C-alpha cells in the first residue's frame, strides 16, 4: 500500500502517518498523545498483524526537538509487546531508538505499508530522509523467528537533516552508532546495523558484534572501486555501474548480514539497492507490472547513493 503527500512540519507528518496507517493500511493505534505546541513531545504506539496473534508488530515513535539548534526529530523504537503507561524504552522487547531527523517546515512524504512494516521517505529542503519500521523477510519460519524486527532511521542522534556526516544515510545503506537496529533470532537482543562510520566520509569496518546492509557494502572501500581490502565495504560498485543498452540496471533487494553469527538474516521488504547513473531522485522505474521509486541518501546524489522502494 502506498501514498504520497505534503505535511506542514515534523508533527504534522506524524499525524498524517497515523491517519493513513490506522485509517487505510490496517494498523492499530495503541496510544496517541499529541499536545499543542511545536516543542511538545508527541507519542504514537502502533500494532500490526505481523506473524499472528502471538507475534505481532509493535512500533513506537515519540518526537523530540531543540528549537535553539533547529532540530526536529522522531525517535523510533521496536517492541515485542505493548503495555499501557510504560515508557517507550521500557516496552516489552524494546529496541532502538533510531533517529529520523526532520524539520519544522514543509515536508513532502512517501508512505509505504503492509501488515508487517512501514516505510517513510521524507523530503525536507533538498534532503531525503528514510526510515523502515517493522518486520523484515527472514530466512526462517515464523515459529523459528517470530519477531524479525528492524528499526532503521536516518541518523543515531538528533541533528539537522543536512548534517555532513556519513552516518546521515538511508535505509539501504545505514549509518553506525545506533542509526539502525535489528533483533537477532538466536539471542533475542538488538544488534546495530553499521555501514558508515562517524566522519564526513567513512566506511565502517566489518568487525565485531554487528551487522551490515548488503549489497551497498560490496567489498570496496572507495568510489573509485579499486580497493580490494575485505575488511571494508562501500558503494563503489554502484558508483561504477552503468545502464545497459535498454537503460536498465539491476534492482538488488537489501539484505541484513550478521558478521558475528556469519548469517544472512533476511531482506528488507520492498527496498532495493541500485545505481543512480543517468537517473534522478523521485524517478519511477518499472519491471513488468511492478513500479519502483528512486531516492537518494540524504543530500547525496552520486550514482552509489541511490536506492529504490517498490510501490506496493
C-alpha atoms as a PDB file:
ATOM      1  CA  UNK A   1       0.000   0.000   0.000  1.00  0.00           C
ATOM      2  CA  UNK A   2       1.399   3.376  -0.987  1.00  0.00           C
ATOM      3  CA  UNK A   3       0.559   7.091  -0.760  1.00  0.00           C
ATOM      4  CA  UNK A   4       2.279  10.444  -1.058  1.00  0.00           C
ATOM      5  CA  UNK A   5       1.558  13.989   0.069  1.00  0.00           C
ATOM      6  CA  UNK A   6       2.840  17.047   1.944  1.00  0.00           C
ATOM      7  CA  UNK A   7       2.908  17.835   5.676  1.00  0.00           C
ATOM      8  CA  UNK A   8       3.445  21.216   7.304  1.00  0.00           C
ATOM      9  CA  UNK A   9       6.135  20.089   9.789  1.00  0.00           C
ATOM     10  CA  UNK A  10       7.516  17.100  11.723  1.00  0.00           C
ATOM     11  CA  UNK A  11       4.445  16.862  13.994  1.00  0.00           C
ATOM     12  CA  UNK A  12       2.044  17.064  11.080  1.00  0.00           C
ATOM     13  CA  UNK A  13       3.994  14.321   9.293  1.00  0.00           C
ATOM     14  CA  UNK A  14       3.438  12.002  12.262  1.00  0.00           C
ATOM     15  CA  UNK A  15      -0.255  12.934  12.283  1.00  0.00           C
ATOM     16  CA  UNK A  16      -0.509  12.142   8.563  1.00  0.00           C
ATOM     17  CA  UNK A  17       1.250   8.795   9.100  1.00  0.00           C
ATOM     18  CA  UNK A  18      -1.058   7.896  11.999  1.00  0.00           C
ATOM     19  CA  UNK A  19      -4.157   8.779   9.990  1.00  0.00           C
ATOM     20  CA  UNK A  20      -3.062   6.731   6.978  1.00  0.00           C
ATOM     21  CA  UNK A  21      -1.721   3.682   8.818  1.00  0.00           C
ATOM     22  CA  UNK A  22      -4.782   3.361  11.063  1.00  0.00           C
ATOM     23  CA  UNK A  23      -7.425   4.536   8.604  1.00  0.00           C
ATOM     24  CA  UNK A  24      -6.179   2.885   5.410  1.00  0.00           C
ATOM     25  CA  UNK A  25      -3.284   0.450   5.932  1.00  0.00           C
ATOM     26  CA  UNK A  26      -4.881  -1.706   8.643  1.00  0.00           C
ATOM     27  CA  UNK A  27      -2.595  -0.883  11.572  1.00  0.00           C
ATOM     28  CA  UNK A  28      -3.951  -0.485  15.110  1.00  0.00           C
ATOM     29  CA  UNK A  29      -3.352   2.551  17.281  1.00  0.00           C
ATOM     30  CA  UNK A  30      -2.400   1.539  20.844  1.00  0.00           C
ATOM     31  CA  UNK A  31      -1.694   5.068  22.135  1.00  0.00           C
ATOM     32  CA  UNK A  32      -1.677   8.533  20.558  1.00  0.00           C
ATOM     33  CA  UNK A  33      -0.676  11.659  22.518  1.00  0.00           C
ATOM     34  CA  UNK A  34      -0.368  14.923  20.593  1.00  0.00           C
ATOM     35  CA  UNK A  35      -0.404  18.122  22.723  1.00  0.00           C
ATOM     36  CA  UNK A  36      -0.395  21.557  21.104  1.00  0.00           C
ATOM     37  CA  UNK A  37       2.982  23.230  20.595  1.00  0.00           C
ATOM     38  CA  UNK A  38       5.897  22.758  18.171  1.00  0.00           C
ATOM     39  CA  UNK A  39       8.197  21.809  21.065  1.00  0.00           C
ATOM     40  CA  UNK A  40       5.791  19.330  22.683  1.00  0.00           C
ATOM     41  CA  UNK A  41       6.518  15.597  22.712  1.00  0.00           C
ATOM     42  CA  UNK A  42       4.084  13.553  20.654  1.00  0.00           C
ATOM     43  CA  UNK A  43       3.849   9.791  21.148  1.00  0.00           C
ATOM     44  CA  UNK A  44       2.420   7.190  18.782  1.00  0.00           C
ATOM     45  CA  UNK A  45       2.292   3.463  19.584  1.00  0.00           C
ATOM     46  CA  UNK A  46       1.241   1.088  16.831  1.00  0.00           C
ATOM     47  CA  UNK A  47       0.463  -2.583  16.263  1.00  0.00           C
ATOM     48  CA  UNK A  48       0.195  -4.595  13.035  1.00  0.00           C
ATOM     49  CA  UNK A  49      -0.720  -8.259  12.384  1.00  0.00           C
ATOM     50  CA  UNK A  50       2.846  -9.450  11.760  1.00  0.00           C
ATOM     51  CA  UNK A  51       3.168 -13.204  12.289  1.00  0.00           C
ATOM     52  CA  UNK A  52      -0.198 -13.620  14.025  1.00  0.00           C
ATOM     53  CA  UNK A  53      -1.708 -13.272  17.473  1.00  0.00           C
ATOM     54  CA  UNK A  54       1.446 -14.318  19.359  1.00  0.00           C
ATOM     55  CA  UNK A  55       3.930 -12.337  17.253  1.00  0.00           C
ATOM     56  CA  UNK A  56       2.506  -9.010  16.173  1.00  0.00           C
ATOM     57  CA  UNK A  57       4.496  -5.999  15.017  1.00  0.00           C
ATOM     58  CA  UNK A  58       4.910  -3.204  17.569  1.00  0.00           C
ATOM     59  CA  UNK A  59       6.434   0.129  16.559  1.00  0.00           C
ATOM     60  CA  UNK A  60       6.635   3.125  18.884  1.00  0.00           C
ATOM     61  CA  UNK A  61       7.504   6.716  17.995  1.00  0.00           C
ATOM     62  CA  UNK A  62       7.992   9.868  20.007  1.00  0.00           C
ATOM     63  CA  UNK A  63       9.091  13.319  18.902  1.00  0.00           C
ATOM     64  CA  UNK A  64      11.926  15.420  20.252  1.00  0.00           C
ATOM     65  CA  UNK A  65      13.147  18.882  19.304  1.00  0.00           C
ATOM     66  CA  UNK A  66      15.705  21.502  20.219  1.00  0.00           C
ATOM     67  CA  UNK A  67      14.467  24.831  18.902  1.00  0.00           C
ATOM     68  CA  UNK A  68      17.793  26.530  19.627  1.00  0.00           C
ATOM     69  CA  UNK A  69      19.671  24.016  17.484  1.00  0.00           C
ATOM     70  CA  UNK A  70      16.915  23.840  14.892  1.00  0.00           C
ATOM     71  CA  UNK A  71      16.485  20.058  15.236  1.00  0.00           C
ATOM     72  CA  UNK A  72      13.087  18.350  14.962  1.00  0.00           C
ATOM     73  CA  UNK A  73      13.140  14.566  15.086  1.00  0.00           C
ATOM     74  CA  UNK A  74      11.299  11.300  15.634  1.00  0.00           C
ATOM     75  CA  UNK A  75      12.724   8.584  17.875  1.00  0.00           C
ATOM     76  CA  UNK A  76      11.873   5.132  16.519  1.00  0.00           C
ATOM     77  CA  UNK A  77      11.545   2.011  18.668  1.00  0.00           C
ATOM     78  CA  UNK A  78      10.593  -1.592  18.006  1.00  0.00           C
ATOM     79  CA  UNK A  79       8.993  -3.899  20.581  1.00  0.00           C
ATOM     80  CA  UNK A  80       7.540  -7.380  21.005  1.00  0.00           C
ATOM     81  CA  UNK A  81       4.508  -6.310  23.043  1.00  0.00           C
ATOM     82  CA  UNK A  82       2.547  -3.365  24.403  1.00  0.00           C
ATOM     83  CA  UNK A  83       1.957  -2.234  27.987  1.00  0.00           C
ATOM     84  CA  UNK A  84      -0.137   0.863  28.676  1.00  0.00           C
ATOM     85  CA  UNK A  85       1.518   3.607  30.685  1.00  0.00           C
ATOM     86  CA  UNK A  86       5.073   2.280  30.223  1.00  0.00           C
ATOM     87  CA  UNK A  87       7.771   4.417  28.598  1.00  0.00           C
ATOM     88  CA  UNK A  88       8.841   3.510  25.068  1.00  0.00           C
ATOM     89  CA  UNK A  89      12.348   2.275  26.025  1.00  0.00           C
ATOM     90  CA  UNK A  90      10.759   0.000  28.683  1.00  0.00           C
ATOM     91  CA  UNK A  91       8.200  -1.722  26.474  1.00  0.00           C
ATOM     92  CA  UNK A  92       8.486  -5.500  26.148  1.00  0.00           C
ATOM     93  CA  UNK A  93      11.496  -6.446  23.998  1.00  0.00           C
ATOM     94  CA  UNK A  94      12.165  -2.781  23.186  1.00  0.00           C
ATOM     95  CA  UNK A  95      14.941  -1.856  20.768  1.00  0.00           C
ATOM     96  CA  UNK A  96      16.304   1.445  19.493  1.00  0.00           C
ATOM     97  CA  UNK A  97      15.936   4.306  19.288  1.00  0.00           C
ATOM     98  CA  UNK A  98      16.996   5.227  15.803  1.00  0.00           C
ATOM     99  CA  UNK A  99      16.518   8.895  14.911  1.00  0.00           C
ATOM    100  CA  UNK A 100      14.537  10.205  11.979  1.00  0.00           C
ATOM    101  CA  UNK A 101      15.613  13.836  11.565  1.00  0.00           C
ATOM    102  CA  UNK A 102      13.113  16.225  10.021  1.00  0.00           C
ATOM    103  CA  UNK A 103      12.237  19.945  10.232  1.00  0.00           C
ATOM    104  CA  UNK A 104       9.601  22.440  11.313  1.00  0.00           C
ATOM    105  CA  UNK A 105       8.993  23.358   7.672  1.00  0.00           C
ATOM    106  CA  UNK A 106       7.026  21.762   4.830  1.00  0.00           C
ATOM    107  CA  UNK A 107       7.850  18.079   4.240  1.00  0.00           C
ATOM    108  CA  UNK A 108       6.962  16.026   1.157  1.00  0.00           C
ATOM    109  CA  UNK A 109       6.396  12.376   2.004  1.00  0.00           C
ATOM    110  CA  UNK A 110       6.028   8.898   0.566  1.00  0.00           C
ATOM    111  CA  UNK A 111       4.404   6.261   2.812  1.00  0.00           C
ATOM    112  CA  UNK A 112       4.548   2.503   2.138  1.00  0.00           C
ATOM    113  CA  UNK A 113       2.918  -0.098   4.384  1.00  0.00           C
ATOM    114  CA  UNK A 114       1.681  -3.660   4.650  1.00  0.00           C
ATOM    115  CA  UNK A 115       0.723  -5.749   7.672  1.00  0.00           C
ATOM    116  CA  UNK A 116       4.399  -6.321   8.583  1.00  0.00           C
ATOM    117  CA  UNK A 117       6.208  -2.992   8.175  1.00  0.00           C
ATOM    118  CA  UNK A 118       6.001   0.630   7.108  1.00  0.00           C
ATOM    119  CA  UNK A 119       8.481   2.831   5.273  1.00  0.00           C
ATOM    120  CA  UNK A 120       8.590   6.643   5.296  1.00  0.00           C
ATOM    121  CA  UNK A 121      10.566   8.757   2.844  1.00  0.00           C
ATOM    122  CA  UNK A 122      10.516  12.434   3.822  1.00  0.00           C
ATOM    123  CA  UNK A 123      11.920  15.282   1.720  1.00  0.00           C
ATOM    124  CA  UNK A 124      12.819  18.330   3.781  1.00  0.00           C
ATOM    125  CA  UNK A 125      14.559  21.025   1.750  1.00  0.00           C
ATOM    126  CA  UNK A 126      16.879  19.078  -0.568  1.00  0.00           C
ATOM    127  CA  UNK A 127      17.402  16.250   1.937  1.00  0.00           C
ATOM    128  CA  UNK A 128      15.712  12.844   1.632  1.00  0.00           C
ATOM    129  CA  UNK A 129      15.286  11.103   4.982  1.00  0.00           C
ATOM    130  CA  UNK A 130      14.161   7.456   5.147  1.00  0.00           C
ATOM    131  CA  UNK A 131      13.029   5.037   7.846  1.00  0.00           C
ATOM    132  CA  UNK A 132      11.982   1.365   7.944  1.00  0.00           C
ATOM    133  CA  UNK A 133       9.968   0.076  10.910  1.00  0.00           C
ATOM    134  CA  UNK A 134       8.702  -3.463  11.429  1.00  0.00           C
ATOM    135  CA  UNK A 135       9.427  -6.966  10.186  1.00  0.00           C
ATOM    136  CA  UNK A 136      11.949  -7.950   7.541  1.00  0.00           C
ATOM    137  CA  UNK A 137      11.583 -11.030   5.312  1.00  0.00           C
ATOM    138  CA  UNK A 138      13.673 -13.536   7.309  1.00  0.00           C
ATOM    139  CA  UNK A 139      15.293 -16.731   6.106  1.00  0.00           C
ATOM    140  CA  UNK A 140      13.437 -18.664   8.810  1.00  0.00           C
ATOM    141  CA  UNK A 141       9.935 -19.870   9.620  1.00  0.00           C
ATOM    142  CA  UNK A 142       7.679 -17.745  11.883  1.00  0.00           C
ATOM    143  CA  UNK A 143       7.968 -20.470  14.534  1.00  0.00           C
ATOM    144  CA  UNK A 144      11.763 -20.156  14.379  1.00  0.00           C
ATOM    145  CA  UNK A 145      11.922 -16.348  14.203  1.00  0.00           C
ATOM    146  CA  UNK A 146       8.651 -14.838  15.454  1.00  0.00           C
ATOM    147  CA  UNK A 147       9.927 -11.233  15.777  1.00  0.00           C
ATOM    148  CA  UNK A 148      12.227 -10.434  12.808  1.00  0.00           C
ATOM    149  CA  UNK A 149      12.222  -6.735  13.664  1.00  0.00           C
ATOM    150  CA  UNK A 150      14.288  -3.959  12.141  1.00  0.00           C
ATOM    151  CA  UNK A 151      14.240  -0.289  13.123  1.00  0.00           C
ATOM    152  CA  UNK A 152      16.245   1.807  10.661  1.00  0.00           C
ATOM    153  CA  UNK A 153      16.384   5.578  10.848  1.00  0.00           C
ATOM    154  CA  UNK A 154      18.398   8.327   9.198  1.00  0.00           C
ATOM    155  CA  UNK A 155      20.938   9.091  11.978  1.00  0.00           C
ATOM    156  CA  UNK A 156      21.905   7.958  15.502  1.00  0.00           C
ATOM    157  CA  UNK A 157      21.270  11.289  17.271  1.00  0.00           C
ATOM    158  CA  UNK A 158      19.247  14.480  16.890  1.00  0.00           C
ATOM    159  CA  UNK A 159      20.726  16.572  14.074  1.00  0.00           C
ATOM    160  CA  UNK A 160      19.846  18.678  11.086  1.00  0.00           C
ATOM    161  CA  UNK A 161      18.816  16.646   8.031  1.00  0.00           C
ATOM    162  CA  UNK A 162      21.746  18.262   6.204  1.00  0.00           C
ATOM    163  CA  UNK A 163      24.458  17.257   8.720  1.00  0.00           C
ATOM    164  CA  UNK A 164      27.626  16.402   6.790  1.00  0.00           C
ATOM    165  CA  UNK A 165      28.380  13.053   8.365  1.00  0.00           C
ATOM    166  CA  UNK A 166      28.496   9.653   6.661  1.00  0.00           C
ATOM    167  CA  UNK A 167      26.087   8.283   9.273  1.00  0.00           C
ATOM    168  CA  UNK A 168      23.411  10.615   7.856  1.00  0.00           C
ATOM    169  CA  UNK A 169      22.340   7.978   5.409  1.00  0.00           C
ATOM    170  CA  UNK A 170      19.491   5.779   4.158  1.00  0.00           C
ATOM    171  CA  UNK A 171      17.649   2.554   4.971  1.00  0.00           C
ATOM    172  CA  UNK A 172      19.577   0.799   2.183  1.00  0.00           C
ATOM    173  CA  UNK A 173      22.984   1.947   3.429  1.00  0.00           C
ATOM    174  CA  UNK A 174      22.636   2.903   7.130  1.00  0.00           C
ATOM    175  CA  UNK A 175      24.981   4.708   9.474  1.00  0.00           C
ATOM    176  CA  UNK A 176      26.579   3.340  12.646  1.00  0.00           C
ATOM    177  CA  UNK A 177      26.264   4.087  16.373  1.00  0.00           C
ATOM    178  CA  UNK A 178      22.511   3.473  16.635  1.00  0.00           C
ATOM    179  CA  UNK A 179      21.049   4.687  13.332  1.00  0.00           C
ATOM    180  CA  UNK A 180      19.836   1.153  12.536  1.00  0.00           C
ATOM    181  CA  UNK A 181      18.996  -1.955  14.557  1.00  0.00           C
ATOM    182  CA  UNK A 182      17.692  -5.495  14.083  1.00  0.00           C
ATOM    183  CA  UNK A 183      16.529  -8.061  16.619  1.00  0.00           C
ATOM    184  CA  UNK A 184      18.709 -11.164  16.436  1.00  0.00           C
ATOM    185  CA  UNK A 185      16.904 -14.524  16.268  1.00  0.00           C
ATOM    186  CA  UNK A 186      19.402 -16.532  18.337  1.00  0.00           C
ATOM    187  CA  UNK A 187      19.842 -14.217  21.334  1.00  0.00           C
ATOM    188  CA  UNK A 188      16.701 -12.032  21.028  1.00  0.00           C
ATOM    189  CA  UNK A 189      18.925  -8.986  21.526  1.00  0.00           C
ATOM    190  CA  UNK A 190      19.126  -5.863  19.369  1.00  0.00           C
ATOM    191  CA  UNK A 191      22.224  -5.563  17.163  1.00  0.00           C
ATOM    192  CA  UNK A 192      23.360  -2.467  15.297  1.00  0.00           C
ATOM    193  CA  UNK A 193      23.442  -2.418  11.500  1.00  0.00           C
ATOM    194  CA  UNK A 194      26.507  -0.381  10.508  1.00  0.00           C
ATOM    195  CA  UNK A 195      27.578   0.602   7.017  1.00  0.00           C
ATOM    196  CA  UNK A 196      29.017   4.079   7.654  1.00  0.00           C
ATOM    197  CA  UNK A 197      31.231   5.454  10.418  1.00  0.00           C
ATOM    198  CA  UNK A 198      31.443   8.764  12.232  1.00  0.00           C
ATOM    199  CA  UNK A 199      33.098  11.240   9.849  1.00  0.00           C
ATOM    200  CA  UNK A 200      32.231  13.200   6.729  1.00  0.00           C
ATOM    201  CA  UNK A 201      33.132  10.144   4.614  1.00  0.00           C
ATOM    202  CA  UNK A 202      33.786   6.887   6.408  1.00  0.00           C
ATOM    203  CA  UNK A 203      33.035   3.229   5.724  1.00  0.00           C
ATOM    204  CA  UNK A 204      32.624   1.067   8.809  1.00  0.00           C
ATOM    205  CA  UNK A 205      34.952  -1.973   9.056  1.00  0.00           C
ATOM    206  CA  UNK A 206      33.412  -5.439   9.123  1.00  0.00           C
ATOM    207  CA  UNK A 207      34.436  -6.380  12.662  1.00  0.00           C
ATOM    208  CA  UNK A 208      32.746  -7.095  15.979  1.00  0.00           C
ATOM    209  CA  UNK A 209      29.219  -7.992  17.088  1.00  0.00           C
ATOM    210  CA  UNK A 210      27.382  -6.093  14.397  1.00  0.00           C
ATOM    211  CA  UNK A 211      25.578  -6.391  11.101  1.00  0.00           C
ATOM    212  CA  UNK A 212      25.730  -4.587   7.788  1.00  0.00           C
ATOM    213  CA  UNK A 213      23.368  -3.993   4.883  1.00  0.00           C
ATOM    214  CA  UNK A 214      24.208  -5.754   1.615  1.00  0.00           C
ATOM    215  CA  UNK A 215      24.636  -5.043  -1.316  1.00  0.00           C
ATOM    216  CA  UNK A 216      25.562  -1.396  -0.772  1.00  0.00           C
ATOM    217  CA  UNK A 217      28.564  -2.837   1.004  1.00  0.00           C
ATOM    218  CA  UNK A 218      30.176  -4.570  -1.952  1.00  0.00           C
ATOM    219  CA  UNK A 219      33.744  -5.258  -0.764  1.00  0.00           C
ATOM    220  CA  UNK A 220      35.150  -1.959  -1.984  1.00  0.00           C
ATOM    221  CA  UNK A 221      36.243   0.970   0.114  1.00  0.00           C
ATOM    222  CA  UNK A 222      36.094   3.963  -2.224  1.00  0.00           C
ATOM    223  CA  UNK A 223      34.020   5.421  -5.061  1.00  0.00           C
ATOM    224  CA  UNK A 224      36.904   4.612  -7.402  1.00  0.00           C
ATOM    225  CA  UNK A 225      36.195   0.924  -6.805  1.00  0.00           C
ATOM    226  CA  UNK A 226      39.885  -0.008  -6.657  1.00  0.00           C
ATOM    227  CA  UNK A 227      40.184  -1.182  -3.059  1.00  0.00           C
ATOM    228  CA  UNK A 228      40.133  -4.948  -2.500  1.00  0.00           C
ATOM    229  CA  UNK A 229      40.509  -4.903   1.304  1.00  0.00           C
ATOM    230  CA  UNK A 230      37.882  -7.417   2.533  1.00  0.00           C
ATOM    231  CA  UNK A 231      37.620  -5.679   5.929  1.00  0.00           C
ATOM    232  CA  UNK A 232      35.864  -2.673   4.405  1.00  0.00           C
ATOM    233  CA  UNK A 233      32.657  -2.339   2.408  1.00  0.00           C
ATOM    234  CA  UNK A 234      31.273   0.556   0.404  1.00  0.00           C
ATOM    235  CA  UNK A 235      29.061   1.513  -2.509  1.00  0.00           C
ATOM    236  CA  UNK A 236      31.885   1.620  -5.067  1.00  0.00           C
ATOM    237  CA  UNK A 237      30.173  -0.997  -7.213  1.00  0.00           C
ATOM    238  CA  UNK A 238      27.042   1.128  -7.640  1.00  0.00           C
ATOM    239  CA  UNK A 239      29.088   4.259  -8.311  1.00  0.00           C
ATOM    240  CA  UNK A 240      30.729   2.469 -11.234  1.00  0.00           C
ATOM    241  CA  UNK A 241      27.647   0.645 -12.542  1.00  0.00           C
ATOM    242  CA  UNK A 242      26.230   1.826 -15.871  1.00  0.00           C
ATOM    243  CA  UNK A 243      22.862   1.219 -17.537  1.00  0.00           C
ATOM    244  CA  UNK A 244      22.581  -1.391 -20.261  1.00  0.00           C
ATOM    245  CA  UNK A 245      21.508  -0.723 -23.879  1.00  0.00           C
ATOM    246  CA  UNK A 246      17.865  -0.641 -22.747  1.00  0.00           C
ATOM    247  CA  UNK A 247      18.604   1.925 -19.993  1.00  0.00           C
ATOM    248  CA  UNK A 248      18.197  -0.773 -17.332  1.00  0.00           C
ATOM    249  CA  UNK A 249      20.172  -1.584 -14.179  1.00  0.00           C
ATOM    250  CA  UNK A 250      19.776  -4.310 -11.533  1.00  0.00           C
ATOM    251  CA  UNK A 251      17.474  -3.829  -8.562  1.00  0.00           C
ATOM    252  CA  UNK A 252      19.049  -5.899  -5.788  1.00  0.00           C
ATOM    253  CA  UNK A 253      16.984  -6.427  -2.644  1.00  0.00           C
ATOM    254  CA  UNK A 254      18.674  -5.206   0.547  1.00  0.00           C
ATOM    255  CA  UNK A 255      19.777  -7.959   2.953  1.00  0.00           C
ATOM    256  CA  UNK A 256      20.946  -7.790   6.578  1.00  0.00           C
ATOM    257  CA  UNK A 257      24.177  -9.746   7.118  1.00  0.00           C
ATOM    258  CA  UNK A 258      25.238 -10.559  10.703  1.00  0.00           C
ATOM    259  CA  UNK A 259      29.044 -10.706  10.901  1.00  0.00           C
ATOM    260  CA  UNK A 260      29.217 -12.332  14.324  1.00  0.00           C
ATOM    261  CA  UNK A 261      26.726 -15.092  13.508  1.00  0.00           C
ATOM    262  CA  UNK A 262      28.011 -15.304   9.905  1.00  0.00           C
ATOM    263  CA  UNK A 263      24.381 -15.299   8.824  1.00  0.00           C
ATOM    264  CA  UNK A 264      22.333 -13.709   6.064  1.00  0.00           C
ATOM    265  CA  UNK A 265      19.427 -12.765   8.312  1.00  0.00           C
ATOM    266  CA  UNK A 266      16.820 -11.718   5.768  1.00  0.00           C
ATOM    267  CA  UNK A 267      15.763  -8.985   3.361  1.00  0.00           C
ATOM    268  CA  UNK A 268      14.137  -5.594   3.750  1.00  0.00           C
ATOM    269  CA  UNK A 269      10.581  -5.811   2.430  1.00  0.00           C
ATOM    270  CA  UNK A 270      10.325  -3.670  -0.719  1.00  0.00           C
ATOM    271  CA  UNK A 271      13.752  -1.956  -0.536  1.00  0.00           C
ATOM    272  CA  UNK A 272      16.379  -2.371  -3.263  1.00  0.00           C
ATOM    273  CA  UNK A 273      19.878  -1.116  -3.969  1.00  0.00           C
ATOM    274  CA  UNK A 274      20.593   0.163  -7.463  1.00  0.00           C
ATOM    275  CA  UNK A 275      22.671   2.734  -9.309  1.00  0.00           C
ATOM    276  CA  UNK A 276      21.689   6.333  -9.864  1.00  0.00           C
ATOM    277  CA  UNK A 277      23.772   6.606 -13.033  1.00  0.00           C
ATOM    278  CA  UNK A 278      21.897   8.759 -15.584  1.00  0.00           C
ATOM    279  CA  UNK A 279      18.868   8.771 -13.263  1.00  0.00           C
ATOM    280  CA  UNK A 280      17.232  11.261 -10.919  1.00  0.00           C
ATOM    281  CA  UNK A 281      15.732  11.265  -7.453  1.00  0.00           C
ATOM    282  CA  UNK A 282      11.969  10.532  -7.397  1.00  0.00           C
ATOM    283  CA  UNK A 283      12.218   8.907 -10.839  1.00  0.00           C
ATOM    284  CA  UNK A 284       9.981   5.873 -11.320  1.00  0.00           C
ATOM    285  CA  UNK A 285      11.339   2.708 -12.940  1.00  0.00           C
ATOM    286  CA  UNK A 286       9.373  -0.396 -13.848  1.00  0.00           C
ATOM    287  CA  UNK A 287       9.960  -4.117 -14.021  1.00  0.00           C
ATOM    288  CA  UNK A 288       6.989  -5.661 -15.804  1.00  0.00           C
ATOM    289  CA  UNK A 289       3.922  -4.631 -13.795  1.00  0.00           C
ATOM    290  CA  UNK A 290       5.998  -3.554 -10.774  1.00  0.00           C
ATOM    291  CA  UNK A 291       6.857   0.105 -10.135  1.00  0.00           C
ATOM    292  CA  UNK A 292       9.748   1.426  -8.034  1.00  0.00           C
ATOM    293  CA  UNK A 293      10.647   4.980  -6.986  1.00  0.00           C
ATOM    294  CA  UNK A 294      14.285   6.044  -6.735  1.00  0.00           C
ATOM    295  CA  UNK A 295      15.532   8.020  -3.745  1.00  0.00           C
ATOM    296  CA  UNK A 296      18.898   9.385  -2.668  1.00  0.00           C
ATOM    297  CA  UNK A 297      20.904   9.127   0.539  1.00  0.00           C
ATOM    298  CA  UNK A 298      20.100  12.353   2.467  1.00  0.00           C
ATOM    299  CA  UNK A 299      21.664  15.222   0.440  1.00  0.00           C
ATOM    300  CA  UNK A 300      23.981  12.985  -1.614  1.00  0.00           C
ATOM    301  CA  UNK A 301      23.186  12.159  -5.223  1.00  0.00           C
ATOM    302  CA  UNK A 302      26.181  10.324  -6.648  1.00  0.00           C
ATOM    303  CA  UNK A 303      25.359   7.132  -8.537  1.00  0.00           C
ATOM    304  CA  UNK A 304      26.226   4.992  -5.492  1.00  0.00           C
ATOM    305  CA  UNK A 305      23.842   6.898  -3.196  1.00  0.00           C
ATOM    306  CA  UNK A 306      20.569   5.675  -4.726  1.00  0.00           C
ATOM    307  CA  UNK A 307      18.062   3.067  -3.637  1.00  0.00           C
ATOM    308  CA  UNK A 308      14.552   2.102  -4.727  1.00  0.00           C
ATOM    309  CA  UNK A 309      11.268   1.407  -2.903  1.00  0.00           C
ATOM    310  CA  UNK A 310       8.575  -0.694  -4.542  1.00  0.00           C
ATOM    311  CA  UNK A 311       5.140   0.918  -4.779  1.00  0.00           C
ATOM    312  CA  UNK A 312       3.179  -1.797  -3.013  1.00  0.00           C
END
